[in-house]
C-alpha atoms as a PDB file:
ATOM      1  CA  MET A   1      77.007   1.275  60.851  1.00  0.00           C
ATOM      2  CA  SER A   2      76.669   0.451  64.527  1.00  0.00           C
ATOM      3  CA  ASP A   3      75.894  -3.015  65.843  1.00  0.00           C
ATOM      4  CA  ALA A   4      72.654  -1.766  67.426  1.00  0.00           C
ATOM      5  CA  ALA A   5      71.358  -0.478  64.100  1.00  0.00           C
ATOM      6  CA  MET A   6      72.290  -3.718  62.365  1.00  0.00           C
ATOM      7  CA  SER A   7      70.406  -5.827  64.925  1.00  0.00           C
ATOM      8  CA  ILE A   8      67.034  -4.168  64.209  1.00  0.00           C
ATOM      9  CA  ASP A   9      65.114  -6.239  61.681  1.00  0.00           C
ATOM     10  CA  VAL A  10      61.609  -5.060  60.820  1.00  0.00           C
ATOM     11  CA  ARG A  11      60.617  -8.526  59.626  1.00  0.00           C
ATOM     12  CA  LEU A  12      60.463  -9.855  63.185  1.00  0.00           C
ATOM     13  CA  PRO A  13      57.707  -7.563  64.569  1.00  0.00           C
ATOM     14  CA  ILE A  14      55.822  -7.667  61.260  1.00  0.00           C
ATOM     15  CA  GLY A  15      56.004 -11.452  61.267  1.00  0.00           C
ATOM     16  CA  GLY A  16      54.845 -11.591  64.879  1.00  0.00           C
ATOM     17  CA  LEU A  17      51.934  -9.278  64.155  1.00  0.00           C
ATOM     18  CA  PHE A  18      50.759 -11.228  61.110  1.00  0.00           C
ATOM     19  CA  THR A  19      51.203 -14.544  62.914  1.00  0.00           C
ATOM     20  CA  ALA A  20      49.058 -13.355  65.832  1.00  0.00           C
ATOM     21  CA  LEU A  21      46.407 -11.880  63.510  1.00  0.00           C
ATOM     22  CA  GLY A  22      46.394 -15.051  61.430  1.00  0.00           C
ATOM     23  CA  VAL A  23      45.765 -17.168  64.507  1.00  0.00           C
ATOM     24  CA  ILE A  24      42.965 -14.849  65.676  1.00  0.00           C
ATOM     25  CA  VAL A  25      41.216 -14.528  62.296  1.00  0.00           C
ATOM     26  CA  GLY A  26      41.752 -18.191  61.411  1.00  0.00           C
ATOM     27  CA  GLY A  27      40.487 -19.251  64.828  1.00  0.00           C
ATOM     28  CA  TYR A  28      37.383 -17.154  64.318  1.00  0.00           C
ATOM     29  CA  GLY A  29      36.926 -18.811  60.921  1.00  0.00           C
ATOM     30  CA  ILE A  30      37.177 -22.251  62.514  1.00  0.00           C
ATOM     31  CA  ALA A  31      34.740 -21.270  65.281  1.00  0.00           C
ATOM     32  CA  THR A  32      32.147 -20.002  62.784  1.00  0.00           C
ATOM     33  CA  ASN A  33      32.717 -22.674  60.138  1.00  0.00           C
ATOM     34  CA  GLY A  34      29.274 -24.292  60.381  1.00  0.00           C
ATOM     35  CA  ASP A  35      27.291 -21.028  60.282  1.00  0.00           C
ATOM     36  CA  ALA A  36      26.005 -20.747  56.691  1.00  0.00           C
ATOM     37  CA  ALA A  37      24.203 -17.457  57.366  1.00  0.00           C
ATOM     38  CA  HIS A  38      27.446 -15.909  58.582  1.00  0.00           C
ATOM     39  CA  TYR A  39      29.143 -16.460  55.215  1.00  0.00           C
ATOM     40  CA  GLU A  40      26.131 -15.782  52.989  1.00  0.00           C
ATOM     41  CA  ARG A  41      27.575 -12.456  51.757  1.00  0.00           C
ATOM     42  CA  SER A  42      30.793 -14.176  50.642  1.00  0.00           C
ATOM     43  CA  LEU A  43      28.913 -16.827  48.626  1.00  0.00           C
ATOM     44  CA  GLY A  44      29.473 -19.463  51.295  1.00  0.00           C
ATOM     45  CA  THR A  45      33.264 -19.089  51.407  1.00  0.00           C
ATOM     46  CA  ASN A  46      34.798 -18.995  54.874  1.00  0.00           C
ATOM     47  CA  VAL A  47      36.947 -15.920  54.194  1.00  0.00           C
ATOM     48  CA  ASN A  48      38.046 -15.654  57.820  1.00  0.00           C
ATOM     49  CA  LEU A  49      39.576 -19.114  57.710  1.00  0.00           C
ATOM     50  CA  TRP A  50      41.304 -18.604  54.368  1.00  0.00           C
ATOM     51  CA  TRP A  51      42.691 -15.139  55.148  1.00  0.00           C
ATOM     52  CA  GLY A  52      43.704 -16.336  58.599  1.00  0.00           C
ATOM     53  CA  ILE A  53      45.750 -19.080  56.957  1.00  0.00           C
ATOM     54  CA  VAL A  54      47.292 -16.587  54.503  1.00  0.00           C
ATOM     55  CA  MET A  55      48.254 -14.173  57.305  1.00  0.00           C
ATOM     56  CA  LEU A  56      49.614 -17.005  59.446  1.00  0.00           C
ATOM     57  CA  VAL A  57      51.812 -18.316  56.638  1.00  0.00           C
ATOM     58  CA  PHE A  58      53.042 -14.809  55.762  1.00  0.00           C
ATOM     59  CA  GLY A  59      53.843 -14.101  59.408  1.00  0.00           C
ATOM     60  CA  LEU A  60      55.748 -17.346  59.830  1.00  0.00           C
ATOM     61  CA  VAL A  61      57.755 -16.668  56.658  1.00  0.00           C
ATOM     62  CA  MET A  62      58.694 -13.184  57.937  1.00  0.00           C
ATOM     63  CA  VAL A  63      59.774 -14.593  61.304  1.00  0.00           C
ATOM     64  CA  ALA A  64      61.807 -17.322  59.588  1.00  0.00           C
ATOM     65  CA  LEU A  65      63.537 -14.781  57.346  1.00  0.00           C
ATOM     66  CA  ALA A  66      64.357 -12.552  60.327  1.00  0.00           C
ATOM     67  CA  ARG A  67      65.783 -15.458  62.295  1.00  0.00           C
ATOM     68  CA  SER A  68      67.743 -16.655  59.276  1.00  0.00           C
ATOM     69  CA  ALA A  69      69.315 -13.220  58.806  1.00  0.00           C
ATOM     70  CA  ARG A  70      70.252 -13.121  62.465  1.00  0.00           C
ATOM     71  CA  ARG A  71      72.025 -16.508  62.180  1.00  0.00           C
ATOM     72  CA  HIS A  72      73.939 -15.472  59.053  1.00  0.00           C
ATOM     73  CA  PRO A  73      75.221 -11.938  59.684  1.00  0.00           C
ATOM     74  CA  SER A  74      77.515 -12.160  56.661  1.00  0.00           C
ATOM     75  CA  ALA A  75      74.411 -11.695  54.504  1.00  0.00           C
ATOM     76  CA  MET A  76      74.362  -8.054  55.643  1.00  0.00           C
ATOM     77  CA  ARG A  77      77.510  -6.426  54.366  1.00  0.00           C
ATOM     78  CA  GLU A  78      78.868  -2.965  54.871  1.00  0.00           C
ATOM     79  CA  ALA A  79      78.189  -0.551  52.020  1.00  0.00           C
ATOM     80  CA  MET A  80      81.858  -0.196  51.147  1.00  0.00           C
ATOM     81  CA  GLU A  81      82.151  -3.941  50.575  1.00  0.00           C
ATOM     82  CA  THR A  82      79.865  -3.852  47.524  1.00  0.00           C
ATOM     83  CA  PRO A  83      80.426  -2.192  44.133  1.00  0.00           C
ATOM     84  CA  GLU A  84      77.132  -0.322  44.496  1.00  0.00           C
ATOM     85  CA  GLY A  85      78.168   0.989  47.895  1.00  0.00           C
ATOM     86  CA  ARG A  86      81.524   2.199  46.597  1.00  0.00           C
ATOM     87  CA  ASP A  87      79.805   3.971  43.661  1.00  0.00           C
ATOM     88  CA  THR A  88      77.362   5.648  46.039  1.00  0.00           C
ATOM     89  CA  GLU A  89      80.181   6.797  48.316  1.00  0.00           C
ATOM     90  CA  ARG A  90      82.063   8.262  45.328  1.00  0.00           C
ATOM     91  CA  ARG A  91      78.917  10.095  44.131  1.00  0.00           C
ATOM     92  CA  GLU A  92      78.259  11.490  47.604  1.00  0.00           C
ATOM     93  CA  HIS A  93      81.871  12.660  47.857  1.00  0.00           C
ATOM     94  CA  VAL A  94      81.713  14.428  44.481  1.00  0.00           C
ATOM     95  CA  LEU A  95      78.380  16.091  45.314  1.00  0.00           C
ATOM     96  CA  GLY A  96      79.480  17.042  48.835  1.00  0.00           C
ATOM     97  CA  LEU A  97      76.734  15.009  50.485  1.00  0.00           C
ATOM     98  CA  GLU A  98      78.974  13.126  52.896  1.00  0.00           C
ATOM     99  CA  LYS A  99      78.548  13.767  56.589  1.00  0.00           C
ATOM    100  CA  GLU A 100      81.540  14.609  58.671  1.00  0.00           C
ATOM    101  CA  LYS A 101      82.831  11.645  60.654  1.00  0.00           C
ATOM    102  CA  LYS A 102      83.306  12.482  64.307  1.00  0.00           C
END
């Protein structure tokens, strides 16, 4: 697998998105905290604040995991270095599913 493909980690943009949304929704919850009529439908619970906190925490965890994986590249091993990868390669060879290497 190429180095460019290994450097793409979907957790980073997902974490950034959830962090930004958490700040926006949580900020809105803080701004409307004293408005009882605003949260009447949710039985007085400030759902914007709570879900903003949940999204913020989830986003920060995703960013931390992405940065941790980038610091420890040995966590991502080539397929042939694992028993599962070797079994998959053998199965693909037997079934003729391997792609020609150029």
